[in-house]
Protein backbone atom coordinates (compact mmCIF):
# COMPACT_ATOMS: atom_id res chain seq x y z
CA MET A 1 26.46 -6.83 41.50
CA ASN A 2 24.33 -9.35 39.68
CA GLN A 3 24.72 -9.54 35.98
CA PRO A 4 21.41 -9.16 33.95
CA GLN A 5 20.07 -12.43 32.88
CA THR A 6 20.39 -13.22 29.28
CA PHE A 7 18.20 -15.53 27.09
CA THR A 8 19.28 -17.50 24.06
CA GLU A 9 17.46 -19.31 21.35
CA LYS A 10 19.13 -21.35 18.51
CA ILE A 11 17.76 -22.08 15.05
CA ILE A 12 19.55 -24.59 12.66
CA ILE A 13 19.06 -23.73 8.96
CA SER A 14 20.94 -26.47 7.06
CA ASN A 15 20.25 -24.96 3.57
CA PRO A 16 22.81 -22.32 2.87
CA ASP A 17 20.74 -20.47 0.36
CA TRP A 18 17.90 -20.17 2.92
CA LEU A 19 20.41 -18.86 5.40
CA ILE A 20 21.66 -16.09 2.98
CA ALA A 21 17.99 -15.23 2.15
CA ILE A 22 17.22 -14.64 5.92
CA LEU A 23 20.50 -12.97 6.91
CA GLY A 24 20.98 -11.07 3.73
CA SER A 25 24.05 -10.60 1.51
CA GLN A 26 26.92 -10.11 3.85
CA ASP A 27 24.45 -10.47 6.87
CA GLN A 28 22.82 -7.15 5.94
CA ASN A 29 19.50 -8.13 7.28
CA ILE A 30 20.93 -8.75 10.79
CA GLU A 31 20.82 -4.89 11.30
CA LEU A 32 17.20 -4.97 10.48
CA TYR A 33 16.44 -7.52 13.11
CA GLU A 34 18.68 -5.98 15.79
CA SER A 35 17.46 -2.31 15.16
CA ASN A 36 13.83 -3.44 15.54
CA PHE A 37 14.19 -5.93 18.57
CA ASP A 38 16.29 -5.85 21.57
CA VAL A 39 18.34 -8.88 20.61
CA SER A 40 21.79 -9.67 19.04
CA ILE A 41 22.05 -12.35 16.37
CA SER A 42 25.13 -14.33 15.28
CA ASN A 43 25.56 -17.34 13.15
CA ARG A 44 28.24 -20.01 13.00
CA GLY A 45 27.96 -22.51 10.25
CA GLU A 46 24.17 -23.50 9.96
CA THR A 47 23.34 -22.29 13.47
CA LEU A 48 21.65 -19.00 14.16
CA THR A 49 21.88 -17.76 17.77
CA ILE A 50 19.51 -15.16 19.08
CA THR A 51 20.50 -13.52 22.39
CA GLY A 52 18.82 -10.77 24.54
CA GLN A 53 17.77 -9.76 28.02
CA ASP A 54 14.09 -9.73 27.26
CA GLU A 55 12.88 -13.40 26.87
CA ALA A 56 9.87 -12.35 24.87
CA GLN A 57 11.82 -10.43 22.32
CA VAL A 58 14.22 -13.31 21.77
CA GLN A 59 11.33 -15.71 21.29
CA LEU A 60 9.51 -13.22 18.90
CA VAL A 61 12.64 -12.92 16.68
CA LYS A 62 12.87 -16.78 16.71
CA ASP A 63 9.13 -17.05 15.68
CA LEU A 64 9.84 -14.37 12.96
CA ILE A 65 12.76 -16.34 11.41
CA LEU A 66 10.75 -19.56 11.43
CA LYS A 67 8.03 -17.83 9.63
CA LEU A 68 10.51 -16.75 6.87
CA VAL A 69 11.75 -20.41 6.82
CA GLN A 70 8.05 -21.33 6.10
CA LEU A 71 8.02 -19.00 3.10
CA LEU A 72 11.25 -20.65 1.93
CA GLU A 73 9.63 -23.99 2.25
CA ARG A 74 6.94 -22.77 -0.08
CA LYS A 75 9.62 -21.68 -2.63
CA ILE A 76 9.12 -18.02 -1.78
CA THR A 77 12.41 -16.27 -1.20
CA PRO A 78 11.82 -13.28 1.01
CA ARG A 79 13.27 -9.89 -0.13
CA LYS A 80 14.21 -7.13 2.11
CA MET A 81 10.71 -5.73 1.74
CA ASP A 82 9.20 -9.14 2.77
CA ILE A 83 11.52 -9.13 5.89
CA VAL A 84 10.44 -5.68 6.90
CA THR A 85 6.81 -6.78 6.55
CA ALA A 86 7.51 -9.76 8.68
CA ILE A 87 9.13 -7.36 11.34
CA LYS A 88 6.14 -5.11 11.27
CA MET A 89 3.79 -8.03 11.77
CA ALA A 90 5.83 -9.45 14.61
CA GLN A 91 5.78 -5.99 16.37
CA ASN A 92 1.94 -5.57 16.06
CA GLY A 93 1.12 -9.21 16.93
CA THR A 94 -0.08 -10.26 13.54
CA LEU A 95 2.93 -12.54 12.53
CA ASP A 96 0.70 -15.55 12.22
CA HIS A 97 -0.89 -13.94 9.21
CA LEU A 98 2.39 -13.51 7.26
CA ILE A 99 1.86 -16.64 5.21
CA ASN A 100 -1.58 -15.23 4.12
CA ILE A 101 -0.08 -12.38 2.27
CA TYR A 102 1.35 -14.74 -0.20
CA GLU A 103 -1.65 -16.89 -0.43
CA GLU A 104 -4.59 -14.64 -0.64
CA VAL A 105 -5.50 -13.55 -4.22
CA VAL A 106 -6.84 -9.99 -4.44
CA GLY A 107 -7.64 -10.14 -8.12
CA ARG A 108 -6.34 -11.39 -11.50
CA ALA A 109 -4.60 -9.73 -14.35
CA ALA A 110 -5.70 -9.93 -17.95
CA ASP A 111 -3.45 -12.92 -18.50
CA GLY A 112 -4.98 -14.80 -15.62
CA SER A 113 -1.98 -14.31 -13.20
CA ALA A 114 -2.91 -13.77 -9.60
CA ILE A 115 -2.52 -10.36 -8.08
CA ARG A 116 -1.54 -10.43 -4.32
CA VAL A 117 -0.58 -7.95 -1.80
CA LYS A 118 3.21 -7.35 -1.54
CA ASN A 119 3.63 -5.92 1.94
CA PHE A 120 2.11 -5.19 5.30
CA GLY A 121 0.85 -1.79 4.25
CA GLN A 122 -1.20 -3.29 1.38
CA LEU A 123 -2.49 -6.00 3.50
CA GLU A 124 -3.90 -3.40 5.91
CA TYR A 125 -5.21 -1.33 3.10
CA VAL A 126 -7.19 -4.40 1.55
CA LYS A 127 -8.56 -5.31 5.02
CA ALA A 128 -9.70 -1.67 5.55
CA VAL A 129 -11.44 -1.53 2.12
CA ALA A 130 -13.31 -4.81 3.01
CA HIS A 131 -14.66 -3.41 6.24
CA SER A 132 -14.98 0.45 5.73
CA ASP A 133 -17.11 2.50 3.36
CA VAL A 134 -14.49 5.20 3.11
CA VAL A 135 -10.61 4.47 3.12
CA PHE A 136 -7.80 6.85 3.00
CA GLY A 137 -4.42 5.49 1.78
CA ILE A 138 -1.71 8.00 2.77
CA GLY A 139 1.93 7.42 1.91
CA PRO A 140 4.71 7.89 -0.60
CA ALA A 141 4.71 7.03 -4.28
CA GLY A 142 5.47 3.60 -5.26
CA THR A 143 3.61 1.87 -2.50
CA GLY A 144 0.85 0.51 -4.89
CA LYS A 145 -1.97 2.52 -3.56
CA THR A 146 -3.46 3.37 -7.02
CA PHE A 147 -2.98 0.00 -8.55
CA LEU A 148 -4.37 -1.99 -5.63
CA ALA A 149 -7.45 0.41 -5.31
CA VAL A 150 -8.13 -0.27 -9.06
CA VAL A 151 -7.75 -3.97 -8.49
CA LEU A 152 -10.21 -3.89 -5.54
CA ALA A 153 -12.70 -1.79 -7.57
CA VAL A 154 -12.63 -4.11 -10.55
CA GLN A 155 -13.15 -7.19 -8.17
CA ALA A 156 -16.10 -5.35 -6.62
CA LEU A 157 -17.58 -4.80 -10.13
CA LYS A 158 -16.93 -8.42 -11.29
CA GLU A 159 -18.73 -9.80 -8.16
CA GLY A 160 -21.66 -7.38 -8.66
CA ARG A 161 -21.18 -5.46 -5.48
CA VAL A 162 -21.09 -2.22 -7.54
CA LYS A 163 -22.46 -1.33 -10.95
CA ARG A 164 -19.65 1.16 -12.00
CA ILE A 165 -16.23 2.38 -11.20
CA ILE A 166 -15.34 6.07 -11.06
CA LEU A 167 -11.80 7.31 -11.03
CA THR A 168 -10.78 10.82 -10.57
CA ARG A 169 -8.15 13.29 -9.48
CA PRO A 170 -7.76 17.04 -9.16
CA ALA A 171 -6.49 18.95 -12.18
CA VAL A 172 -3.49 20.42 -10.46
CA GLU A 173 -0.12 20.64 -12.23
CA ALA A 174 3.07 19.17 -10.85
CA GLY A 175 5.31 22.05 -11.95
CA GLU A 176 3.82 22.09 -15.45
CA ASN A 177 0.94 24.06 -16.91
CA LEU A 178 -2.16 22.20 -18.00
CA GLY A 179 -3.23 25.16 -20.16
CA PHE A 180 -0.60 24.44 -22.75
CA LEU A 181 -1.82 20.92 -23.37
CA PRO A 182 -4.31 20.42 -26.20
CA GLY A 183 -7.97 19.51 -25.78
CA ASP A 184 -10.80 20.06 -23.18
CA LEU A 185 -10.31 19.66 -19.49
CA LYS A 186 -10.76 15.78 -19.48
CA GLU A 187 -8.20 15.40 -22.30
CA LYS A 188 -5.86 17.76 -20.52
CA VAL A 189 -6.03 15.71 -17.24
CA ASP A 190 -5.90 12.32 -18.91
CA PRO A 191 -2.04 12.23 -19.02
CA TYR A 192 -2.02 12.69 -15.30
CA LEU A 193 -4.37 9.69 -14.82
CA ARG A 194 -1.84 7.45 -16.76
CA PRO A 195 -1.26 5.14 -13.69
CA VAL A 196 -5.08 4.47 -13.51
CA TYR A 197 -5.13 3.56 -17.26
CA ASP A 198 -2.13 1.47 -16.76
CA ALA A 199 -3.71 -0.46 -13.82
CA LEU A 200 -6.92 -1.01 -15.75
CA ASN A 201 -5.10 -2.25 -18.67
CA THR A 202 -3.11 -4.71 -16.56
CA ILE A 203 -6.45 -6.16 -15.31
CA TYR A 204 -8.80 -5.93 -18.27
CA GLY A 205 -6.51 -5.52 -21.30
CA ASN A 206 -6.78 -2.53 -23.48
CA GLU A 207 -9.70 -3.61 -25.63
CA HIS A 208 -12.07 -4.69 -22.72
CA MET A 209 -11.16 -1.59 -20.87
CA ASN A 210 -12.10 0.67 -23.68
CA ARG A 211 -15.50 -1.11 -24.15
CA LEU A 212 -16.26 -0.66 -20.55
CA MET A 213 -15.38 3.03 -20.75
CA GLU A 214 -17.57 3.51 -23.70
CA ARG A 215 -20.46 2.03 -21.92
CA GLY A 216 -19.96 4.21 -18.92
CA ILE A 217 -19.22 1.33 -16.55
CA ILE A 218 -15.83 2.76 -16.04
CA GLU A 219 -15.53 6.56 -15.82
CA ILE A 220 -12.33 8.45 -15.64
CA ALA A 221 -12.77 12.26 -15.10
CA PRO A 222 -11.31 15.35 -13.36
CA LEU A 223 -12.44 16.09 -9.81
CA ALA A 224 -14.44 19.06 -11.13
CA TYR A 225 -16.83 16.79 -12.75
CA MET A 226 -17.99 15.25 -9.54
CA ARG A 227 -19.86 18.33 -8.29
CA GLY A 228 -23.51 18.07 -7.78
CA ARG A 229 -23.57 14.27 -8.30
CA THR A 230 -24.70 11.46 -5.95
CA LEU A 231 -22.69 8.29 -6.61
CA ASP A 232 -24.88 5.25 -5.91
CA ASP A 233 -23.65 1.69 -6.34
CA ALA A 234 -20.20 2.86 -7.34
CA PHE A 235 -16.64 2.23 -6.38
CA VAL A 236 -15.13 5.64 -6.31
CA ILE A 237 -11.30 6.41 -6.25
CA LEU A 238 -9.73 9.74 -5.71
CA ASP A 239 -6.19 9.76 -6.54
CA GLU A 240 -3.44 12.45 -5.80
CA ALA A 241 -5.87 13.65 -3.05
CA GLN A 242 -3.08 15.84 -1.46
CA ASN A 243 -3.74 18.35 -4.25
CA THR A 244 -7.39 18.87 -3.19
CA THR A 245 -8.46 22.04 -1.52
CA ILE A 246 -10.47 21.78 1.71
CA ALA A 247 -13.69 22.61 -0.26
CA GLN A 248 -12.89 20.05 -3.02
CA MET A 249 -12.33 17.29 -0.40
CA LYS A 250 -15.72 18.04 1.35
CA MET A 251 -17.41 18.14 -2.01
CA PHE A 252 -16.01 14.78 -3.16
CA LEU A 253 -16.66 12.96 0.27
CA THR A 254 -20.32 14.20 0.31
CA ARG A 255 -20.91 12.60 -3.13
CA LEU A 256 -20.97 9.19 -1.54
CA GLY A 257 -24.36 7.29 -2.09
CA PHE A 258 -25.96 4.15 -1.13
CA GLY A 259 -24.05 0.92 -1.89
CA SER A 260 -20.80 2.75 -2.71
CA LYS A 261 -17.24 2.60 -1.50
CA MET A 262 -14.63 5.42 -1.70
CA ILE A 263 -10.82 5.28 -1.73
CA ILE A 264 -8.93 8.44 -1.28
CA ASN A 265 -5.21 8.10 -2.01
CA GLY A 266 -2.44 10.75 -1.59
CA ASP A 267 1.15 11.55 -0.46
CA GLN A 268 1.32 14.40 1.90
CA THR A 269 4.92 15.16 0.83
CA GLN A 270 4.09 15.87 -2.82
CA ILE A 271 1.61 18.73 -2.46
CA ASP A 272 1.36 20.97 -5.60
CA LEU A 273 -1.17 23.42 -4.32
CA PRO A 274 -0.42 27.16 -4.44
CA LYS A 275 1.59 28.47 -1.53
CA GLY A 276 -0.80 29.23 1.48
CA VAL A 277 -3.51 26.82 0.29
CA LYS A 278 -4.06 23.99 2.77
CA SER A 279 -4.31 20.53 1.39
CA GLY A 280 -7.81 18.93 1.78
CA LEU A 281 -6.01 15.59 2.59
CA ILE A 282 -4.26 16.95 5.50
CA ASP A 283 -7.36 18.74 6.69
CA ALA A 284 -9.53 15.52 6.26
CA GLU A 285 -7.13 13.45 8.34
CA MET A 286 -7.38 15.83 11.23
CA LYS A 287 -11.15 16.15 11.08
CA LEU A 288 -12.15 12.57 10.16
CA ARG A 289 -9.82 10.29 11.88
CA ASP A 290 -12.18 9.35 14.77
CA ILE A 291 -15.16 8.54 12.54
CA LYS A 292 -15.65 4.83 12.90
CA ARG A 293 -16.75 4.01 9.36
CA ILE A 294 -13.70 5.82 7.88
CA LYS A 295 -10.32 4.12 7.88
CA PHE A 296 -6.88 5.69 7.53
CA VAL A 297 -4.07 3.44 6.31
CA MET A 298 -0.60 4.90 6.57
CA PHE A 299 2.07 3.66 4.17
CA ASP A 300 5.85 4.37 4.67
CA GLU A 301 9.07 3.96 2.70
CA TYR A 302 9.33 0.21 3.66
CA ASP A 303 6.02 -0.37 1.74
CA VAL A 304 7.48 0.94 -1.65
CA VAL A 305 7.47 -1.78 -4.21
CA ARG A 306 9.66 -0.12 -6.83
CA HIS A 307 13.44 -0.47 -6.97
CA PRO A 308 14.88 -0.72 -3.52
CA VAL A 309 16.81 2.55 -3.76
CA VAL A 310 13.40 4.46 -4.13
CA ALA A 311 12.83 3.80 -0.32
CA ASP A 312 16.31 5.09 0.53
CA ILE A 313 15.46 8.31 -1.55
CA ILE A 314 12.09 8.85 0.20
CA ARG A 315 13.81 8.21 3.56
CA ALA A 316 16.54 10.77 2.70
CA TYR A 317 13.97 13.44 1.65
CA SER A 318 11.96 12.75 4.89
CA ASP A 319 15.00 13.25 7.05
């Protein structure tokens, strides 16, 4: 019986720190490569050997590792999240754009520092917003959906593509009772919009942000305040969209006016609606997925940009 043919590629990485960055501490990243591609990887000294029965897979992993070396040459040390991003891009044929993630500036913080996407999911998200009027960002907490949406909205405002930013979310409690909080409805819901305020503060600084809010250029309001309005020349962001009802989601989406963009963010695993009430986010995904001018971007635990253990927690609860 003929033995199946095997293919081998070798890469020499003479810098020991680079080798550790690519293979991981105690070679932990090797499992990532081998579980996503039909190859086996070994290293002896400064030589990496990639072996497999599929020549294309072997070559693809070689190309992937060489891209990671290019990052290291640019003094960017890839973390586990970066390696997962590279794997995803290799699998969908976009590996050539890996370096772009670290070069393209999405916006700037108040201190002038550049804001860049951090992973493949965010890269897809930015592209979707650039080319679609309505974008749904669906996935777990910690993937940067809210922050990035605010960055993109601010950039559109600065460039004159919109005249105002509107940020909203449904007034649904996450195991707590809004009625016990002081103030009117907006004041009650403001604490739940803290991530939005934090993002704006990072980009504008507190003083400038407050001035824009006083002038009505930035509006933060509960979803109930959207009813009956037509939102022209606006960048509109709906956060926590998993807690909308079907009627609320339809109401919100039909507010879209000329010259406007909408981003709808949500996490289908964190629905706080009463039992038996279907989420408007889940319903919208089913009904709108095939509409060409609407784009759905799905994030997963590998797109999480918080502490690495958060991805493990999300994966455990998903299982």
